[in-house]
Amino acid sequence: MTRTATVRRVVTVEYEVTSLTTAEARRIITSLSLTQRELATLMGVTERSIRNWLRDDDGASSLPLAISNCLRAWAQLHELKLPWSPLVRKD
């Protein structure tokens, strides 16, 4: 099942209504250049929650659906080179 969401009436993002595996989540987090601390801040959870969700050694376990949907949407926006993160980095 696929759902569609409109972001500020500018971009339509389609995403699967299934949870990401930990391997898929790690790949997206890396492509977005997010640290676990930054992801926890964006999600409003603790770093421990993020670590627990990503700890699976075989990469087959799944993340909570809401987290999966956010990561997928952010990845699509990032691929379109659109702003997706409210974080301000100090480089």
C-alpha atoms as a PDB file:
ATOM      1  CA  MET A   1       0.000   0.000   0.000  1.00  0.00           C
ATOM      2  CA  THR A   2       1.366   3.421  -0.946  1.00  0.00           C
ATOM      3  CA  ARG A   3       0.271   6.777   0.443  1.00  0.00           C
ATOM      4  CA  THR A   4       0.874  10.220  -0.973  1.00  0.00           C
ATOM      5  CA  ALA A   5       1.586  13.347   1.045  1.00  0.00           C
ATOM      6  CA  THR A   6       1.861  16.914  -0.195  1.00  0.00           C
ATOM      7  CA  VAL A   7       4.542  19.074   1.404  1.00  0.00           C
ATOM      8  CA  ARG A   8       3.598  22.778   1.319  1.00  0.00           C
ATOM      9  CA  ARG A   9       1.844  22.200  -1.998  1.00  0.00           C
ATOM     10  CA  VAL A  10       5.213  22.146  -3.720  1.00  0.00           C
ATOM     11  CA  VAL A  11       6.311  18.515  -3.783  1.00  0.00           C
ATOM     12  CA  THR A  12       4.354  15.300  -3.672  1.00  0.00           C
ATOM     13  CA  VAL A  13       6.201  12.524  -1.880  1.00  0.00           C
ATOM     14  CA  GLU A  14       5.182   8.900  -2.221  1.00  0.00           C
ATOM     15  CA  TYR A  15       6.283   6.369   0.347  1.00  0.00           C
ATOM     16  CA  GLU A  16       5.640   2.767   1.246  1.00  0.00           C
ATOM     17  CA  VAL A  17       3.483   2.093   4.257  1.00  0.00           C
ATOM     18  CA  THR A  18       5.897  -0.449   5.691  1.00  0.00           C
ATOM     19  CA  SER A  19       8.660  -0.114   8.212  1.00  0.00           C
ATOM     20  CA  LEU A  20      12.262   0.227   7.074  1.00  0.00           C
ATOM     21  CA  THR A  21      14.693  -2.468   8.049  1.00  0.00           C
ATOM     22  CA  THR A  22      17.613  -1.314  10.147  1.00  0.00           C
ATOM     23  CA  ALA A  23      19.872  -1.761   7.108  1.00  0.00           C
ATOM     24  CA  GLU A  24      17.643   0.492   4.975  1.00  0.00           C
ATOM     25  CA  ALA A  25      17.431   3.061   7.777  1.00  0.00           C
ATOM     26  CA  ARG A  26      21.220   3.128   8.208  1.00  0.00           C
ATOM     27  CA  ARG A  27      21.646   3.711   4.463  1.00  0.00           C
ATOM     28  CA  ILE A  28      19.215   6.657   4.480  1.00  0.00           C
ATOM     29  CA  ILE A  29      20.680   8.163   7.664  1.00  0.00           C
ATOM     30  CA  THR A  30      24.146   7.997   6.107  1.00  0.00           C
ATOM     31  CA  SER A  31      22.947   9.545   2.831  1.00  0.00           C
ATOM     32  CA  LEU A  32      21.392  12.411   4.818  1.00  0.00           C
ATOM     33  CA  SER A  33      24.649  12.865   6.768  1.00  0.00           C
ATOM     34  CA  LEU A  34      22.766  12.674  10.063  1.00  0.00           C
ATOM     35  CA  THR A  35      24.298  11.703  13.361  1.00  0.00           C
ATOM     36  CA  GLN A  36      22.283   9.621  15.806  1.00  0.00           C
ATOM     37  CA  ARG A  37      22.086  12.674  18.066  1.00  0.00           C
ATOM     38  CA  GLU A  38      20.679  14.835  15.239  1.00  0.00           C
ATOM     39  CA  LEU A  39      18.164  12.151  14.289  1.00  0.00           C
ATOM     40  CA  ALA A  40      17.045  11.850  17.912  1.00  0.00           C
ATOM     41  CA  THR A  41      16.572  15.632  18.087  1.00  0.00           C
ATOM     42  CA  LEU A  42      14.541  15.670  14.873  1.00  0.00           C
ATOM     43  CA  MET A  43      12.390  12.755  16.047  1.00  0.00           C
ATOM     44  CA  GLY A  44      11.907  14.016  19.584  1.00  0.00           C
ATOM     45  CA  VAL A  45      13.291  10.841  21.102  1.00  0.00           C
ATOM     46  CA  THR A  46      16.403   9.925  23.043  1.00  0.00           C
ATOM     47  CA  GLU A  47      19.662   8.824  21.473  1.00  0.00           C
ATOM     48  CA  ARG A  48      19.156   5.531  23.289  1.00  0.00           C
ATOM     49  CA  SER A  49      15.938   4.938  21.313  1.00  0.00           C
ATOM     50  CA  ILE A  50      17.792   5.575  18.061  1.00  0.00           C
ATOM     51  CA  ARG A  51      20.628   3.231  19.107  1.00  0.00           C
ATOM     52  CA  ASN A  52      18.113   0.533  20.058  1.00  0.00           C
ATOM     53  CA  TRP A  53      16.305   0.805  16.732  1.00  0.00           C
ATOM     54  CA  LEU A  54      19.563   0.612  14.767  1.00  0.00           C
ATOM     55  CA  ARG A  55      21.320  -2.003  16.894  1.00  0.00           C
ATOM     56  CA  ASP A  56      20.060  -5.076  15.037  1.00  0.00           C
ATOM     57  CA  ASP A  57      23.147  -6.933  13.789  1.00  0.00           C
ATOM     58  CA  ASP A  58      21.558  -8.677  10.805  1.00  0.00           C
ATOM     59  CA  GLY A  59      19.806  -5.519   9.578  1.00  0.00           C
ATOM     60  CA  ALA A  60      16.447  -7.280   9.261  1.00  0.00           C
ATOM     61  CA  SER A  61      14.528  -5.803  12.178  1.00  0.00           C
ATOM     62  CA  SER A  62      12.233  -2.899  11.464  1.00  0.00           C
ATOM     63  CA  LEU A  63      11.932   0.627  12.803  1.00  0.00           C
ATOM     64  CA  PRO A  64       8.683   2.191  14.036  1.00  0.00           C
ATOM     65  CA  LEU A  65       6.478   3.136  11.083  1.00  0.00           C
ATOM     66  CA  ALA A  66       6.439   6.877  11.865  1.00  0.00           C
ATOM     67  CA  ILE A  67      10.248   6.983  11.930  1.00  0.00           C
ATOM     68  CA  SER A  68      10.417   4.991   8.699  1.00  0.00           C
ATOM     69  CA  ASN A  69       8.005   7.362   6.953  1.00  0.00           C
ATOM     70  CA  CYS A  70       9.955  10.440   8.059  1.00  0.00           C
ATOM     71  CA  LEU A  71      13.257   9.004   6.871  1.00  0.00           C
ATOM     72  CA  ARG A  72      11.776   8.044   3.494  1.00  0.00           C
ATOM     73  CA  ALA A  73      10.229  11.482   2.980  1.00  0.00           C
ATOM     74  CA  TRP A  74      13.440  13.267   3.992  1.00  0.00           C
ATOM     75  CA  ALA A  75      15.463  11.058   1.632  1.00  0.00           C
ATOM     76  CA  GLN A  76      13.165  11.929  -1.285  1.00  0.00           C
ATOM     77  CA  LEU A  77      13.308  15.640  -0.507  1.00  0.00           C
ATOM     78  CA  HIS A  78      17.097  15.415  -0.198  1.00  0.00           C
ATOM     79  CA  GLU A  79      17.316  13.672  -3.592  1.00  0.00           C
ATOM     80  CA  LEU A  80      15.280  16.545  -5.074  1.00  0.00           C
ATOM     81  CA  LYS A  81      17.735  18.961  -3.439  1.00  0.00           C
ATOM     82  CA  LEU A  82      14.941  20.540  -1.387  1.00  0.00           C
ATOM     83  CA  PRO A  83      15.369  21.652   2.220  1.00  0.00           C
ATOM     84  CA  TRP A  84      14.124  19.006   4.609  1.00  0.00           C
ATOM     85  CA  SER A  85      15.866  19.596   7.950  1.00  0.00           C
ATOM     86  CA  PRO A  86      15.403  22.397  10.457  1.00  0.00           C
ATOM     87  CA  LEU A  87      18.856  21.644  11.898  1.00  0.00           C
ATOM     88  CA  VAL A  88      21.483  24.345  11.574  1.00  0.00           C
ATOM     89  CA  ARG A  89      24.935  22.832  11.322  1.00  0.00           C
ATOM     90  CA  LYS A  90      28.059  24.556  12.616  1.00  0.00           C
ATOM     91  CA  ASP A  91      30.648  23.454  10.050  1.00  0.00           C
END
